[in-house]
Amino acid sequence: MMGQPAKSHEVTCPHCNAVVEQKPGAGRVKRYCTPEAGRSYRQRMRALGFDV
């Protein structure tokens, strides 16, 4: 899907697989549905030995 901004694509939270709503316009793509989901995902991946 070249030529389209990353924010126009559907993003799912890697922690809970929920669809993450994006605000239109410039800025960083949201990856997690909540900050707690991001912390939980990173903690779980570190426990499995990944460098996150």
N, C-alpha and C. Protein backbone atom coordinates (compact mmCIF):
# COMPACT_ATOMS: atom_id res chain seq x y z
N MET A 1 0.83 -1.17 0.00
CA MET A 1 0.00 0.00 0.00
C MET A 1 0.88 1.24 0.00
N MET A 2 1.67 1.33 -1.01
CA MET A 2 2.59 2.46 -1.10
C MET A 2 1.83 3.73 -1.47
N GLY A 3 2.34 4.84 -1.00
CA GLY A 3 1.78 6.12 -1.34
C GLY A 3 0.69 6.61 -0.39
N GLN A 4 0.32 5.80 0.59
CA GLN A 4 -0.69 6.21 1.55
C GLN A 4 -0.06 6.35 2.93
N PRO A 5 -0.51 7.33 3.72
CA PRO A 5 0.04 7.47 5.07
C PRO A 5 -0.23 6.23 5.92
N ALA A 6 0.65 5.97 6.86
CA ALA A 6 0.49 4.81 7.73
C ALA A 6 -0.75 4.94 8.59
N LYS A 7 -1.18 6.15 8.88
CA LYS A 7 -2.35 6.35 9.74
C LYS A 7 -3.65 5.96 9.05
N SER A 8 -3.64 5.82 7.73
CA SER A 8 -4.87 5.48 7.04
C SER A 8 -5.13 3.97 7.05
N HIS A 9 -4.19 3.18 7.54
CA HIS A 9 -4.34 1.73 7.60
C HIS A 9 -4.82 1.31 8.98
N GLU A 10 -5.55 0.21 9.03
CA GLU A 10 -6.04 -0.31 10.31
C GLU A 10 -4.88 -0.89 11.11
N VAL A 11 -4.82 -0.53 12.39
CA VAL A 11 -3.76 -1.01 13.29
C VAL A 11 -4.42 -1.79 14.41
N THR A 12 -3.88 -2.97 14.73
CA THR A 12 -4.40 -3.74 15.86
C THR A 12 -3.37 -3.74 16.97
N CYS A 13 -3.85 -3.69 18.20
CA CYS A 13 -3.00 -3.70 19.38
C CYS A 13 -2.34 -5.08 19.50
N PRO A 14 -1.01 -5.16 19.60
CA PRO A 14 -0.36 -6.46 19.71
C PRO A 14 -0.66 -7.18 21.03
N HIS A 15 -1.12 -6.45 22.05
CA HIS A 15 -1.41 -7.05 23.34
C HIS A 15 -2.78 -7.73 23.36
N CYS A 16 -3.81 -7.02 22.88
CA CYS A 16 -5.17 -7.55 22.99
C CYS A 16 -5.89 -7.71 21.65
N ASN A 17 -5.23 -7.40 20.54
CA ASN A 17 -5.79 -7.52 19.18
C ASN A 17 -7.00 -6.63 18.93
N ALA A 18 -7.16 -5.57 19.70
CA ALA A 18 -8.24 -4.61 19.46
C ALA A 18 -7.81 -3.64 18.36
N VAL A 19 -8.77 -3.16 17.58
CA VAL A 19 -8.47 -2.16 16.56
C VAL A 19 -8.20 -0.83 17.25
N VAL A 20 -7.09 -0.19 16.89
CA VAL A 20 -6.67 1.05 17.53
C VAL A 20 -7.10 2.22 16.65
N GLU A 21 -7.90 3.12 17.21
CA GLU A 21 -8.36 4.31 16.49
C GLU A 21 -7.18 5.27 16.30
N GLN A 22 -7.08 5.85 15.11
CA GLN A 22 -6.03 6.82 14.81
C GLN A 22 -6.65 8.20 14.65
N LYS A 23 -5.98 9.21 15.17
CA LYS A 23 -6.41 10.59 14.93
C LYS A 23 -5.91 11.00 13.55
N PRO A 24 -6.75 11.65 12.74
CA PRO A 24 -6.28 12.09 11.42
C PRO A 24 -5.23 13.18 11.56
N GLY A 25 -4.36 13.28 10.57
CA GLY A 25 -3.36 14.33 10.55
C GLY A 25 -1.98 13.79 10.86
N ALA A 26 -1.06 14.71 11.02
CA ALA A 26 0.33 14.35 11.26
C ALA A 26 0.52 13.80 12.65
N GLY A 27 1.57 13.04 12.83
CA GLY A 27 1.89 12.49 14.14
C GLY A 27 2.20 11.01 14.08
N ARG A 28 2.56 10.48 15.21
CA ARG A 28 2.97 9.09 15.32
C ARG A 28 1.75 8.15 15.30
N VAL A 29 1.91 7.00 14.67
CA VAL A 29 0.85 6.00 14.62
C VAL A 29 0.72 5.34 15.99
N LYS A 30 -0.50 5.28 16.53
CA LYS A 30 -0.73 4.61 17.81
C LYS A 30 -0.66 3.11 17.60
N ARG A 31 0.10 2.40 18.42
CA ARG A 31 0.27 0.96 18.29
C ARG A 31 -0.54 0.17 19.31
N TYR A 32 -0.83 0.77 20.47
CA TYR A 32 -1.52 0.07 21.56
C TYR A 32 -2.82 0.79 21.88
N CYS A 33 -3.83 0.04 22.33
CA CYS A 33 -5.13 0.64 22.64
C CYS A 33 -5.04 1.52 23.88
N THR A 34 -4.23 1.15 24.87
CA THR A 34 -4.02 1.95 26.07
C THR A 34 -2.55 1.90 26.46
N PRO A 35 -2.06 2.88 27.23
CA PRO A 35 -0.68 2.81 27.70
C PRO A 35 -0.40 1.55 28.53
N GLU A 36 -1.40 1.10 29.30
CA GLU A 36 -1.23 -0.12 30.11
C GLU A 36 -1.02 -1.34 29.22
N ALA A 37 -1.72 -1.39 28.09
CA ALA A 37 -1.55 -2.51 27.16
C ALA A 37 -0.14 -2.51 26.60
N GLY A 38 0.41 -1.34 26.31
CA GLY A 38 1.78 -1.24 25.82
C GLY A 38 2.79 -1.71 26.85
N ARG A 39 2.58 -1.31 28.11
CA ARG A 39 3.49 -1.74 29.17
C ARG A 39 3.41 -3.25 29.37
N SER A 40 2.20 -3.79 29.38
CA SER A 40 2.02 -5.24 29.57
C SER A 40 2.66 -6.03 28.43
N TYR A 41 2.49 -5.55 27.20
CA TYR A 41 3.07 -6.23 26.05
C TYR A 41 4.59 -6.23 26.14
N ARG A 42 5.19 -5.08 26.44
CA ARG A 42 6.65 -5.01 26.53
C ARG A 42 7.17 -5.86 27.67
N GLN A 43 6.47 -5.88 28.80
CA GLN A 43 6.89 -6.70 29.94
C GLN A 43 6.85 -8.18 29.58
N ARG A 44 5.78 -8.60 28.91
CA ARG A 44 5.65 -10.00 28.51
C ARG A 44 6.75 -10.39 27.51
N MET A 45 7.04 -9.51 26.55
CA MET A 45 8.08 -9.82 25.56
C MET A 45 9.46 -9.87 26.20
N ARG A 46 9.73 -8.98 27.18
CA ARG A 46 11.01 -9.04 27.88
C ARG A 46 11.14 -10.34 28.67
N ALA A 47 10.03 -10.80 29.27
CA ALA A 47 10.05 -12.06 30.03
C ALA A 47 10.34 -13.25 29.12
N LEU A 48 9.94 -13.14 27.87
CA LEU A 48 10.20 -14.21 26.90
C LEU A 48 11.60 -14.12 26.30
N GLY A 49 12.35 -13.07 26.65
CA GLY A 49 13.73 -12.96 26.21
C GLY A 49 13.95 -12.03 25.03
N PHE A 50 12.93 -11.33 24.57
CA PHE A 50 13.11 -10.39 23.47
C PHE A 50 13.61 -9.06 23.99
N ASP A 51 14.41 -8.37 23.17
CA ASP A 51 14.96 -7.07 23.54
C ASP A 51 13.98 -5.99 23.10
N VAL A 52 13.02 -5.65 23.98
CA VAL A 52 11.99 -4.67 23.65
C VAL A 52 12.20 -3.43 24.49
